[in-house]
Amino acid sequence: MPAKLIGNGLRELDLFLTDLIVEAGRVDRHGAAAGHDPGIHPGRRIFSAAEAWRRTAPQLGLAPEGRARLRQMRAAQNRQCFGQLRGEGAEAAMQRDCADYARLAGDVLAAMRSRMG
């Protein structure tokens, strides 16, 4: 599979996790009233999971180390989207990135479950 295609797929995972984190923060702030809030406002959209994690992690009780891992993965995505896969471990690194996105999404959902009681 071409590096650009893989990198774009990882970028989509990053955007999905960004939206998940932002929505979790919104639900945490508004509670039952979150359904009346239109959600993500275009002028205030956050475009990276690392930034969403930085803003929302303390509020949700998420580990701050997640942000560092998200920043590493975003840098790798840029290399994979705009460059070539380099080294023997490149495919394994991308698999780890996918698994880490899943793990971090699970952390966000677990934080929401624990806060909702």
PDB file of N, CA and C in Angstrom:
ATOM      1  N   MET A   1       0.848  -1.171   0.000  1.00  0.00           N
ATOM      2  CA  MET A   1       0.000   0.000   0.000  1.00  0.00           C
ATOM      3  C   MET A   1       0.900   1.242   0.000  1.00  0.00           C
ATOM      4  N   PRO A   2       0.570   2.236  -0.803  1.00  0.00           N
ATOM      5  CA  PRO A   2       1.397   3.448  -0.855  1.00  0.00           C
ATOM      6  C   PRO A   2       1.417   4.191   0.481  1.00  0.00           C
ATOM      7  N   ALA A   3       2.565   4.766   0.761  1.00  0.00           N
ATOM      8  CA  ALA A   3       2.752   5.487   2.017  1.00  0.00           C
ATOM      9  C   ALA A   3       1.742   6.623   2.166  1.00  0.00           C
ATOM     10  N   LYS A   4       1.446   7.304   1.065  1.00  0.00           N
ATOM     11  CA  LYS A   4       0.516   8.427   1.132  1.00  0.00           C
ATOM     12  C   LYS A   4      -0.864   7.953   1.571  1.00  0.00           C
ATOM     13  N   LEU A   5      -1.312   6.824   1.068  1.00  0.00           N
ATOM     14  CA  LEU A   5      -2.616   6.290   1.425  1.00  0.00           C
ATOM     15  C   LEU A   5      -2.651   5.895   2.906  1.00  0.00           C
ATOM     16  N   ILE A   6      -1.605   5.265   3.383  1.00  0.00           N
ATOM     17  CA  ILE A   6      -1.524   4.865   4.785  1.00  0.00           C
ATOM     18  C   ILE A   6      -1.499   6.099   5.681  1.00  0.00           C
ATOM     19  N   GLY A   7      -0.691   7.065   5.314  1.00  0.00           N
ATOM     20  CA  GLY A   7      -0.615   8.300   6.098  1.00  0.00           C
ATOM     21  C   GLY A   7      -1.949   9.013   6.157  1.00  0.00           C
ATOM     22  N   ASN A   8      -2.671   9.048   5.047  1.00  0.00           N
ATOM     23  CA  ASN A   8      -3.982   9.691   5.041  1.00  0.00           C
ATOM     24  C   ASN A   8      -4.970   8.930   5.924  1.00  0.00           C
ATOM     25  N   GLY A   9      -4.865   7.602   5.930  1.00  0.00           N
ATOM     26  CA  GLY A   9      -5.715   6.811   6.817  1.00  0.00           C
ATOM     27  C   GLY A   9      -5.445   7.113   8.278  1.00  0.00           C
ATOM     28  N   LEU A  10      -4.165   7.245   8.630  1.00  0.00           N
ATOM     29  CA  LEU A  10      -3.815   7.594  10.015  1.00  0.00           C
ATOM     30  C   LEU A  10      -4.303   9.001  10.356  1.00  0.00           C
ATOM     31  N   ARG A  11      -4.266   9.887   9.394  1.00  0.00           N
ATOM     32  CA  ARG A  11      -4.772  11.246   9.625  1.00  0.00           C
ATOM     33  C   ARG A  11      -6.277  11.219   9.909  1.00  0.00           C
ATOM     34  N   GLU A  12      -6.998  10.351   9.209  1.00  0.00           N
ATOM     35  CA  GLU A  12      -8.435  10.210   9.470  1.00  0.00           C
ATOM     36  C   GLU A  12      -8.681   9.695  10.882  1.00  0.00           C
ATOM     37  N   LEU A  13      -7.849   8.759  11.345  1.00  0.00           N
ATOM     38  CA  LEU A  13      -7.971   8.284  12.722  1.00  0.00           C
ATOM     39  C   LEU A  13      -7.726   9.426  13.709  1.00  0.00           C
ATOM     40  N   ASP A  14      -6.773  10.280  13.392  1.00  0.00           N
ATOM     41  CA  ASP A  14      -6.477  11.426  14.246  1.00  0.00           C
ATOM     42  C   ASP A  14      -7.682  12.363  14.315  1.00  0.00           C
ATOM     43  N   LEU A  15      -8.304  12.623  13.172  1.00  0.00           N
ATOM     44  CA  LEU A  15      -9.474  13.504  13.151  1.00  0.00           C
ATOM     45  C   LEU A  15     -10.651  12.880  13.897  1.00  0.00           C
ATOM     46  N   PHE A  16     -10.826  11.560  13.755  1.00  0.00           N
ATOM     47  CA  PHE A  16     -11.891  10.880  14.484  1.00  0.00           C
ATOM     48  C   PHE A  16     -11.671  11.013  15.994  1.00  0.00           C
ATOM     49  N   LEU A  17     -10.445  10.758  16.437  1.00  0.00           N
ATOM     50  CA  LEU A  17     -10.149  10.861  17.862  1.00  0.00           C
ATOM     51  C   LEU A  17     -10.306  12.302  18.343  1.00  0.00           C
ATOM     52  N   THR A  18      -9.937  13.263  17.515  1.00  0.00           N
ATOM     53  CA  THR A  18     -10.127  14.676  17.857  1.00  0.00           C
ATOM     54  C   THR A  18     -11.593  14.954  18.144  1.00  0.00           C
ATOM     55  N   ASP A  19     -12.463  14.542  17.226  1.00  0.00           N
ATOM     56  CA  ASP A  19     -13.895  14.779  17.409  1.00  0.00           C
ATOM     57  C   ASP A  19     -14.438  14.041  18.633  1.00  0.00           C
ATOM     58  N   LEU A  20     -13.954  12.825  18.872  1.00  0.00           N
ATOM     59  CA  LEU A  20     -14.393  12.055  20.038  1.00  0.00           C
ATOM     60  C   LEU A  20     -14.022  12.778  21.338  1.00  0.00           C
ATOM     61  N   ILE A  21     -12.799  13.283  21.408  1.00  0.00           N
ATOM     62  CA  ILE A  21     -12.345  13.995  22.613  1.00  0.00           C
ATOM     63  C   ILE A  21     -13.151  15.279  22.823  1.00  0.00           C
ATOM     64  N   VAL A  22     -13.353  16.034  21.744  1.00  0.00           N
ATOM     65  CA  VAL A  22     -14.104  17.292  21.846  1.00  0.00           C
ATOM     66  C   VAL A  22     -15.534  17.010  22.304  1.00  0.00           C
ATOM     67  N   GLU A  23     -16.161  15.994  21.723  1.00  0.00           N
ATOM     68  CA  GLU A  23     -17.527  15.659  22.109  1.00  0.00           C
ATOM     69  C   GLU A  23     -17.593  15.171  23.555  1.00  0.00           C
ATOM     70  N   ALA A  24     -16.618  14.392  23.985  1.00  0.00           N
ATOM     71  CA  ALA A  24     -16.582  13.920  25.371  1.00  0.00           C
ATOM     72  C   ALA A  24     -16.484  15.104  26.323  1.00  0.00           C
ATOM     73  N   GLY A  25     -15.671  16.082  25.985  1.00  0.00           N
ATOM     74  CA  GLY A  25     -15.559  17.283  26.811  1.00  0.00           C
ATOM     75  C   GLY A  25     -16.846  18.074  26.838  1.00  0.00           C
ATOM     76  N   ARG A  26     -17.511  18.151  25.706  1.00  0.00           N
ATOM     77  CA  ARG A  26     -18.781  18.880  25.620  1.00  0.00           C
ATOM     78  C   ARG A  26     -19.852  18.199  26.467  1.00  0.00           C
ATOM     79  N   VAL A  27     -19.949  16.884  26.366  1.00  0.00           N
ATOM     80  CA  VAL A  27     -20.932  16.149  27.159  1.00  0.00           C
ATOM     81  C   VAL A  27     -20.610  16.281  28.646  1.00  0.00           C
ATOM     82  N   ASP A  28     -19.321  16.246  28.978  1.00  0.00           N
ATOM     83  CA  ASP A  28     -18.933  16.386  30.379  1.00  0.00           C
ATOM     84  C   ASP A  28     -19.326  17.759  30.919  1.00  0.00           C
ATOM     85  N   ARG A  29     -19.157  18.805  30.120  1.00  0.00           N
ATOM     86  CA  ARG A  29     -19.496  20.165  30.559  1.00  0.00           C
ATOM     87  C   ARG A  29     -20.999  20.390  30.660  1.00  0.00           C
ATOM     88  N   HIS A  30     -21.743  19.909  29.650  1.00  0.00           N
ATOM     89  CA  HIS A  30     -23.164  20.231  29.556  1.00  0.00           C
ATOM     90  C   HIS A  30     -24.084  19.168  30.143  1.00  0.00           C
ATOM     91  N   GLY A  31     -23.581  17.969  30.352  1.00  0.00           N
ATOM     92  CA  GLY A  31     -24.420  16.891  30.875  1.00  0.00           C
ATOM     93  C   GLY A  31     -25.583  16.604  29.954  1.00  0.00           C
ATOM     94  N   ALA A  32     -26.769  16.495  30.518  1.00  0.00           N
ATOM     95  CA  ALA A  32     -27.966  16.170  29.738  1.00  0.00           C
ATOM     96  C   ALA A  32     -28.285  17.265  28.717  1.00  0.00           C
ATOM     97  N   ALA A  33     -27.856  18.492  28.970  1.00  0.00           N
ATOM     98  CA  ALA A  33     -28.133  19.596  28.051  1.00  0.00           C
ATOM     99  C   ALA A  33     -27.268  19.548  26.797  1.00  0.00           C
ATOM    100  N   ALA A  34     -26.318  18.618  26.725  1.00  0.00           N
ATOM    101  CA  ALA A  34     -25.426  18.537  25.557  1.00  0.00           C
ATOM    102  C   ALA A  34     -26.198  18.290  24.270  1.00  0.00           C
ATOM    103  N   GLY A  35     -27.336  17.626  24.376  1.00  0.00           N
ATOM    104  CA  GLY A  35     -28.149  17.375  23.185  1.00  0.00           C
ATOM    105  C   GLY A  35     -28.712  18.638  22.568  1.00  0.00           C
ATOM    106  N   HIS A  36     -28.815  19.701  23.347  1.00  0.00           N
ATOM    107  CA  HIS A  36     -29.347  20.974  22.839  1.00  0.00           C
ATOM    108  C   HIS A  36     -28.259  21.858  22.243  1.00  0.00           C
ATOM    109  N   ASP A  37     -26.996  21.505  22.487  1.00  0.00           N
ATOM    110  CA  ASP A  37     -25.851  22.253  21.957  1.00  0.00           C
ATOM    111  C   ASP A  37     -25.518  21.661  20.583  1.00  0.00           C
ATOM    112  N   PRO A  38     -25.310  22.487  19.555  1.00  0.00           N
ATOM    113  CA  PRO A  38     -25.038  21.933  18.227  1.00  0.00           C
ATOM    114  C   PRO A  38     -23.695  21.223  18.103  1.00  0.00           C
ATOM    115  N   GLY A  39     -22.870  21.232  19.128  1.00  0.00           N
ATOM    116  CA  GLY A  39     -21.608  20.488  19.068  1.00  0.00           C
ATOM    117  C   GLY A  39     -20.459  21.329  18.581  1.00  0.00           C
ATOM    118  N   ILE A  40     -19.719  20.802  17.608  1.00  0.00           N
ATOM    119  CA  ILE A  40     -18.503  21.458  17.114  1.00  0.00           C
ATOM    120  C   ILE A  40     -18.887  22.696  16.310  1.00  0.00           C
ATOM    121  N   HIS A  41     -18.334  23.809  16.701  1.00  0.00           N
ATOM    122  CA  HIS A  41     -18.584  25.067  16.007  1.00  0.00           C
ATOM    123  C   HIS A  41     -17.451  25.310  15.021  1.00  0.00           C
ATOM    124  N   PRO A  42     -17.769  25.550  13.743  1.00  0.00           N
ATOM    125  CA  PRO A  42     -16.719  25.645  12.717  1.00  0.00           C
ATOM    126  C   PRO A  42     -15.591  26.618  13.030  1.00  0.00           C
ATOM    127  N   GLY A  43     -15.899  27.727  13.645  1.00  0.00           N
ATOM    128  CA  GLY A  43     -14.870  28.715  13.946  1.00  0.00           C
ATOM    129  C   GLY A  43     -13.920  28.289  15.046  1.00  0.00           C
ATOM    130  N   ARG A  44     -14.326  27.296  15.824  1.00  0.00           N
ATOM    131  CA  ARG A  44     -13.510  26.854  16.947  1.00  0.00           C
ATOM    132  C   ARG A  44     -13.056  25.406  16.790  1.00  0.00           C
ATOM    133  N   ARG A  45     -13.091  24.876  15.602  1.00  0.00           N
ATOM    134  CA  ARG A  45     -12.751  23.469  15.363  1.00  0.00           C
ATOM    135  C   ARG A  45     -11.286  23.219  15.707  1.00  0.00           C
ATOM    136  N   ILE A  46     -11.019  22.119  16.372  1.00  0.00           N
ATOM    137  CA  ILE A  46      -9.665  21.692  16.711  1.00  0.00           C
ATOM    138  C   ILE A  46      -9.265  20.645  15.682  1.00  0.00           C
ATOM    139  N   PHE A  47      -8.082  20.769  15.110  1.00  0.00           N
ATOM    140  CA  PHE A  47      -7.685  19.898  14.008  1.00  0.00           C
ATOM    141  C   PHE A  47      -6.614  18.879  14.367  1.00  0.00           C
ATOM    142  N   SER A  48      -6.368  18.649  15.638  1.00  0.00           N
ATOM    143  CA  SER A  48      -5.404  17.611  15.999  1.00  0.00           C
ATOM    144  C   SER A  48      -5.797  17.000  17.329  1.00  0.00           C
ATOM    145  N   ALA A  49      -5.670  15.683  17.403  1.00  0.00           N
ATOM    146  CA  ALA A  49      -6.023  14.972  18.623  1.00  0.00           C
ATOM    147  C   ALA A  49      -5.111  15.398  19.773  1.00  0.00           C
ATOM    148  N   ALA A  50      -3.859  15.708  19.467  1.00  0.00           N
ATOM    149  CA  ALA A  50      -2.929  16.139  20.519  1.00  0.00           C
ATOM    150  C   ALA A  50      -3.412  17.440  21.162  1.00  0.00           C
ATOM    151  N   GLU A  51      -3.904  18.364  20.360  1.00  0.00           N
ATOM    152  CA  GLU A  51      -4.407  19.634  20.900  1.00  0.00           C
ATOM    153  C   GLU A  51      -5.706  19.411  21.667  1.00  0.00           C
ATOM    154  N   ALA A  52      -6.586  18.574  21.145  1.00  0.00           N
ATOM    155  CA  ALA A  52      -7.825  18.267  21.860  1.00  0.00           C
ATOM    156  C   ALA A  52      -7.508  17.596  23.194  1.00  0.00           C
ATOM    157  N   TRP A  53      -6.513  16.705  23.183  1.00  0.00           N
ATOM    158  CA  TRP A  53      -6.113  16.015  24.419  1.00  0.00           C
ATOM    159  C   TRP A  53      -5.580  17.033  25.429  1.00  0.00           C
ATOM    160  N   ARG A  54      -4.751  17.975  24.962  1.00  0.00           N
ATOM    161  CA  ARG A  54      -4.183  18.987  25.848  1.00  0.00           C
ATOM    162  C   ARG A  54      -5.293  19.797  26.518  1.00  0.00           C
ATOM    163  N   ARG A  55      -6.292  20.167  25.752  1.00  0.00           N
ATOM    164  CA  ARG A  55      -7.361  21.008  26.283  1.00  0.00           C
ATOM    165  C   ARG A  55      -8.329  20.250  27.192  1.00  0.00           C
ATOM    166  N   THR A  56      -8.551  18.976  26.919  1.00  0.00           N
ATOM    167  CA  THR A  56      -9.637  18.249  27.573  1.00  0.00           C
ATOM    168  C   THR A  56      -9.174  17.212  28.581  1.00  0.00           C
ATOM    169  N   ALA A  57      -7.937  16.742  28.478  1.00  0.00           N
ATOM    170  CA  ALA A  57      -7.459  15.661  29.350  1.00  0.00           C
ATOM    171  C   ALA A  57      -7.628  15.955  30.836  1.00  0.00           C
ATOM    172  N   PRO A  58      -7.269  17.141  31.324  1.00  0.00           N
ATOM    173  CA  PRO A  58      -7.433  17.396  32.763  1.00  0.00           C
ATOM    174  C   PRO A  58      -8.902  17.330  33.195  1.00  0.00           C
ATOM    175  N   GLN A  59      -9.775  17.857  32.379  1.00  0.00           N
ATOM    176  CA  GLN A  59     -11.209  17.874  32.678  1.00  0.00           C
ATOM    177  C   GLN A  59     -11.763  16.454  32.767  1.00  0.00           C
ATOM    178  N   LEU A  60     -11.306  15.557  31.882  1.00  0.00           N
ATOM    179  CA  LEU A  60     -11.825  14.185  31.858  1.00  0.00           C
ATOM    180  C   LEU A  60     -11.020  13.226  32.720  1.00  0.00           C
ATOM    181  N   GLY A  61      -9.891  13.675  33.236  1.00  0.00           N
ATOM    182  CA  GLY A  61      -9.051  12.804  34.044  1.00  0.00           C
ATOM    183  C   GLY A  61      -8.206  11.847  33.215  1.00  0.00           C
ATOM    184  N   LEU A  62      -7.858  12.266  32.000  1.00  0.00           N
ATOM    185  CA  LEU A  62      -7.023  11.441  31.116  1.00  0.00           C
ATOM    186  C   LEU A  62      -5.545  11.664  31.423  1.00  0.00           C
ATOM    187  N   ALA A  63      -4.757  10.640  31.196  1.00  0.00           N
ATOM    188  CA  ALA A  63      -3.314  10.730  31.459  1.00  0.00           C
ATOM    189  C   ALA A  63      -2.667  11.717  30.491  1.00  0.00           C
ATOM    190  N   PRO A  64      -1.853  12.636  30.994  1.00  0.00           N
ATOM    191  CA  PRO A  64      -1.210  13.623  30.121  1.00  0.00           C
ATOM    192  C   PRO A  64      -0.224  13.003  29.132  1.00  0.00           C
ATOM    193  N   GLU A  65       0.246  11.787  29.390  1.00  0.00           N
ATOM    194  CA  GLU A  65       1.197  11.137  28.482  1.00  0.00           C
ATOM    195  C   GLU A  65       0.575  10.864  27.116  1.00  0.00           C
ATOM    196  N   GLY A  66      -0.741  10.789  27.058  1.00  0.00           N
ATOM    197  CA  GLY A  66      -1.411  10.549  25.780  1.00  0.00           C
ATOM    198  C   GLY A  66      -1.096  11.623  24.759  1.00  0.00           C
ATOM    199  N   ARG A  67      -0.964  12.854  25.210  1.00  0.00           N
ATOM    200  CA  ARG A  67      -0.674  13.959  24.290  1.00  0.00           C
ATOM    201  C   ARG A  67       0.673  13.775  23.615  1.00  0.00           C
ATOM    202  N   ALA A  68       1.679  13.356  24.376  1.00  0.00           N
ATOM    203  CA  ALA A  68       3.011  13.154  23.792  1.00  0.00           C
ATOM    204  C   ALA A  68       2.960  12.077  22.720  1.00  0.00           C
ATOM    205  N   ARG A  69       2.247  11.000  22.980  1.00  0.00           N
ATOM    206  CA  ARG A  69       2.138   9.922  21.992  1.00  0.00           C
ATOM    207  C   ARG A  69       1.389  10.411  20.761  1.00  0.00           C
ATOM    208  N   LEU A  70       0.345  11.193  20.944  1.00  0.00           N
ATOM    209  CA  LEU A  70      -0.401  11.729  19.805  1.00  0.00           C
ATOM    210  C   LEU A  70       0.469  12.659  18.959  1.00  0.00           C
ATOM    211  N   ARG A  71       1.309  13.443  19.594  1.00  0.00           N
ATOM    212  CA  ARG A  71       2.216  14.323  18.836  1.00  0.00           C
ATOM    213  C   ARG A  71       3.207  13.501  18.019  1.00  0.00           C
ATOM    214  N   GLN A  72       3.715  12.417  18.609  1.00  0.00           N
ATOM    215  CA  GLN A  72       4.633  11.538  17.872  1.00  0.00           C
ATOM    216  C   GLN A  72       3.935  10.923  16.662  1.00  0.00           C
ATOM    217  N   MET A  73       2.707  10.476  16.863  1.00  0.00           N
ATOM    218  CA  MET A  73       1.985   9.849  15.765  1.00  0.00           C
ATOM    219  C   MET A  73       1.665  10.851  14.661  1.00  0.00           C
ATOM    220  N   ARG A  74       1.347  12.080  15.041  1.00  0.00           N
ATOM    221  CA  ARG A  74       1.041  13.093  14.025  1.00  0.00           C
ATOM    222  C   ARG A  74       2.284  13.401  13.188  1.00  0.00           C
ATOM    223  N   ALA A  75       3.430  13.468  13.829  1.00  0.00           N
ATOM    224  CA  ALA A  75       4.674  13.699  13.087  1.00  0.00           C
ATOM    225  C   ALA A  75       4.944  12.542  12.131  1.00  0.00           C
ATOM    226  N   ALA A  76       4.687  11.320  12.579  1.00  0.00           N
ATOM    227  CA  ALA A  76       4.881  10.158  11.717  1.00  0.00           C
ATOM    228  C   ALA A  76       3.914  10.198  10.539  1.00  0.00           C
ATOM    229  N   GLN A  77       2.687  10.641  10.780  1.00  0.00           N
ATOM    230  CA  GLN A  77       1.711  10.738   9.691  1.00  0.00           C
ATOM    231  C   GLN A  77       2.200  11.694   8.620  1.00  0.00           C
ATOM    232  N   ASN A  78       2.748  12.822   9.049  1.00  0.00           N
ATOM    233  CA  ASN A  78       3.247  13.789   8.071  1.00  0.00           C
ATOM    234  C   ASN A  78       4.363  13.188   7.234  1.00  0.00           C
ATOM    235  N   ARG A  79       5.239  12.425   7.861  1.00  0.00           N
ATOM    236  CA  ARG A  79       6.299  11.771   7.090  1.00  0.00           C
ATOM    237  C   ARG A  79       5.715  10.734   6.134  1.00  0.00           C
ATOM    238  N   GLN A  80       4.696  10.013   6.578  1.00  0.00           N
ATOM    239  CA  GLN A  80       4.123   8.968   5.745  1.00  0.00           C
ATOM    240  C   GLN A  80       3.265   9.535   4.628  1.00  0.00           C
ATOM    241  N   CYS A  81       2.623  10.671   4.865  1.00  0.00           N
ATOM    242  CA  CYS A  81       1.796  11.283   3.821  1.00  0.00           C
ATOM    243  C   CYS A  81       2.644  11.946   2.751  1.00  0.00           C
ATOM    244  N   PHE A  82       3.703  12.590   3.167  1.00  0.00           N
ATOM    245  CA  PHE A  82       4.462  13.413   2.233  1.00  0.00           C
ATOM    246  C   PHE A  82       5.817  12.816   1.866  1.00  0.00           C
ATOM    247  N   GLY A  83       6.141  11.701   2.452  1.00  0.00           N
ATOM    248  CA  GLY A  83       7.427  11.075   2.166  1.00  0.00           C
ATOM    249  C   GLY A  83       7.250   9.613   1.831  1.00  0.00           C
ATOM    250  N   GLN A  84       8.246   8.837   2.125  1.00  0.00           N
ATOM    251  CA  GLN A  84       8.207   7.408   1.865  1.00  0.00           C
ATOM    252  C   GLN A  84       8.435   6.667   3.162  1.00  0.00           C
ATOM    253  N   LEU A  85       7.956   5.426   3.172  1.00  0.00           N
ATOM    254  CA  LEU A  85       8.243   4.573   4.315  1.00  0.00           C
ATOM    255  C   LEU A  85       9.730   4.290   4.326  1.00  0.00           C
ATOM    256  N   ARG A  86      10.332   4.446   5.483  1.00  0.00           N
ATOM    257  CA  ARG A  86      11.770   4.236   5.579  1.00  0.00           C
ATOM    258  C   ARG A  86      12.060   3.216   6.661  1.00  0.00           C
ATOM    259  N   GLY A  87      12.943   2.312   6.378  1.00  0.00           N
ATOM    260  CA  GLY A  87      13.374   1.346   7.377  1.00  0.00           C
ATOM    261  C   GLY A  87      12.518   0.097   7.404  1.00  0.00           C
ATOM    262  N   GLU A  88      13.075  -0.912   8.000  1.00  0.00           N
ATOM    263  CA  GLU A  88      12.384  -2.194   8.052  1.00  0.00           C
ATOM    264  C   GLU A  88      11.180  -2.175   8.984  1.00  0.00           C
ATOM    265  N   GLY A  89      11.193  -1.347   9.987  1.00  0.00           N
ATOM    266  CA  GLY A  89      10.118  -1.344  10.974  1.00  0.00           C
ATOM    267  C   GLY A  89       8.976  -0.394  10.667  1.00  0.00           C
ATOM    268  N   ALA A  90       8.934   0.170   9.459  1.00  0.00           N
ATOM    269  CA  ALA A  90       7.919   1.184   9.144  1.00  0.00           C
ATOM    270  C   ALA A  90       6.506   0.625   9.217  1.00  0.00           C
ATOM    271  N   GLU A  91       6.281  -0.559   8.647  1.00  0.00           N
ATOM    272  CA  GLU A  91       4.937  -1.123   8.674  1.00  0.00           C
ATOM    273  C   GLU A  91       4.513  -1.447  10.107  1.00  0.00           C
ATOM    274  N   ALA A  92       5.416  -1.989  10.899  1.00  0.00           N
ATOM    275  CA  ALA A  92       5.107  -2.306  12.293  1.00  0.00           C
ATOM    276  C   ALA A  92       4.794  -1.031  13.073  1.00  0.00           C
ATOM    277  N   ALA A  93       5.511   0.048  12.778  1.00  0.00           N
ATOM    278  CA  ALA A  93       5.258   1.324  13.460  1.00  0.00           C
ATOM    279  C   ALA A  93       3.857   1.824  13.141  1.00  0.00           C
ATOM    280  N   MET A  94       3.428   1.678  11.897  1.00  0.00           N
ATOM    281  CA  MET A  94       2.078   2.114  11.528  1.00  0.00           C
ATOM    282  C   MET A  94       1.024   1.256  12.215  1.00  0.00           C
ATOM    283  N   GLN A  95       1.280  -0.028  12.354  1.00  0.00           N
ATOM    284  CA  GLN A  95       0.336  -0.897  13.064  1.00  0.00           C
ATOM    285  C   GLN A  95       0.230  -0.481  14.535  1.00  0.00           C
ATOM    286  N   ARG A  96       1.364  -0.141  15.128  1.00  0.00           N
ATOM    287  CA  ARG A  96       1.345   0.339  16.520  1.00  0.00           C
ATOM    288  C   ARG A  96       0.559   1.640  16.632  1.00  0.00           C
ATOM    289  N   ASP A  97       0.729   2.523  15.647  1.00  0.00           N
ATOM    290  CA  ASP A  97      -0.019   3.783  15.655  1.00  0.00           C
ATOM    291  C   ASP A  97      -1.522   3.516  15.623  1.00  0.00           C
ATOM    292  N   CYS A  98      -1.959   2.618  14.763  1.00  0.00           N
ATOM    293  CA  CYS A  98      -3.387   2.279  14.695  1.00  0.00           C
ATOM    294  C   CYS A  98      -3.872   1.731  16.032  1.00  0.00           C
ATOM    295  N   ALA A  99      -3.090   0.843  16.621  1.00  0.00           N
ATOM    296  CA  ALA A  99      -3.463   0.262  17.915  1.00  0.00           C
ATOM    297  C   ALA A  99      -3.497   1.333  18.996  1.00  0.00           C
ATOM    298  N   ASP A 100      -2.563   2.272  18.953  1.00  0.00           N
ATOM    299  CA  ASP A 100      -2.544   3.337  19.960  1.00  0.00           C
ATOM    300  C   ASP A 100      -3.742   4.270  19.815  1.00  0.00           C
ATOM    301  N   TYR A 101      -4.174   4.551  18.570  1.00  0.00           N
ATOM    302  CA  TYR A 101      -5.384   5.352  18.388  1.00  0.00           C
ATOM    303  C   TYR A 101      -6.574   4.642  19.015  1.00  0.00           C
ATOM    304  N   ALA A 102      -6.672   3.336  18.804  1.00  0.00           N
ATOM    305  CA  ALA A 102      -7.772   2.563  19.388  1.00  0.00           C
ATOM    306  C   ALA A 102      -7.699   2.586  20.912  1.00  0.00           C
ATOM    307  N   ARG A 103      -6.504   2.422  21.452  1.00  0.00           N
ATOM    308  CA  ARG A 103      -6.335   2.428  22.907  1.00  0.00           C
ATOM    309  C   ARG A 103      -6.715   3.783  23.501  1.00  0.00           C
ATOM    310  N   LEU A 104      -6.252   4.861  22.874  1.00  0.00           N
ATOM    311  CA  LEU A 104      -6.552   6.200  23.383  1.00  0.00           C
ATOM    312  C   LEU A 104      -8.045   6.515  23.271  1.00  0.00           C
ATOM    313  N   ALA A 105      -8.686   6.069  22.187  1.00  0.00           N
ATOM    314  CA  ALA A 105     -10.142   6.247  22.070  1.00  0.00           C
ATOM    315  C   ALA A 105     -10.837   5.485  23.190  1.00  0.00           C
ATOM    316  N   GLY A 106     -10.346   4.288  23.496  1.00  0.00           N
ATOM    317  CA  GLY A 106     -10.896   3.513  24.607  1.00  0.00           C
ATOM    318  C   GLY A 106     -10.722   4.232  25.932  1.00  0.00           C
ATOM    319  N   ASP A 107      -9.585   4.903  26.105  1.00  0.00           N
ATOM    320  CA  ASP A 107      -9.348   5.678  27.332  1.00  0.00           C
ATOM    321  C   ASP A 107     -10.372   6.805  27.476  1.00  0.00           C
ATOM    322  N   VAL A 108     -10.672   7.475  26.358  1.00  0.00           N
ATOM    323  CA  VAL A 108     -11.650   8.569  26.387  1.00  0.00           C
ATOM    324  C   VAL A 108     -13.023   8.018  26.756  1.00  0.00           C
ATOM    325  N   LEU A 109     -13.409   6.916  26.125  1.00  0.00           N
ATOM    326  CA  LEU A 109     -14.719   6.334  26.416  1.00  0.00           C
ATOM    327  C   LEU A 109     -14.800   5.841  27.862  1.00  0.00           C
ATOM    328  N   ALA A 110     -13.728   5.241  28.360  1.00  0.00           N
ATOM    329  CA  ALA A 110     -13.707   4.777  29.751  1.00  0.00           C
ATOM    330  C   ALA A 110     -13.818   5.956  30.717  1.00  0.00           C
ATOM    331  N   ALA A 111     -13.153   7.057  30.400  1.00  0.00           N
ATOM    332  CA  ALA A 111     -13.247   8.254  31.250  1.00  0.00           C
ATOM    333  C   ALA A 111     -14.675   8.777  31.275  1.00  0.00           C
ATOM    334  N   MET A 112     -15.328   8.752  30.141  1.00  0.00           N
ATOM    335  CA  MET A 112     -16.718   9.215  30.083  1.00  0.00           C
ATOM    336  C   MET A 112     -17.623   8.282  30.887  1.00  0.00           C
ATOM    337  N   ARG A 113     -17.421   6.984  30.741  1.00  0.00           N
ATOM    338  CA  ARG A 113     -18.252   6.028  31.496  1.00  0.00           C
ATOM    339  C   ARG A 113     -18.085   6.237  33.008  1.00  0.00           C
ATOM    340  N   SER A 114     -16.860   6.445  33.438  1.00  0.00           N
ATOM    341  CA  SER A 114     -16.622   6.607  34.876  1.00  0.00           C
ATOM    342  C   SER A 114     -17.216   7.913  35.398  1.00  0.00           C
ATOM    343  N   ARG A 115     -17.243   8.939  34.577  1.00  0.00           N
ATOM    344  CA  ARG A 115     -17.787  10.230  35.005  1.00  0.00           C
ATOM    345  C   ARG A 115     -19.313  10.227  34.985  1.00  0.00           C
ATOM    346  N   MET A 116     -19.886   9.400  34.116  1.00  0.00           N
ATOM    347  CA  MET A 116     -21.340   9.345  34.016  1.00  0.00           C
ATOM    348  C   MET A 116     -21.934   8.482  35.129  1.00  0.00           C
ATOM    349  N   GLY A 117     -21.069   7.725  35.813  1.00  0.00           N
ATOM    350  CA  GLY A 117     -21.511   6.961  36.965  1.00  0.00           C
ATOM    351  C   GLY A 117     -21.943   5.621  36.578  1.00  0.00           C
TER     352      GLY A 117
END
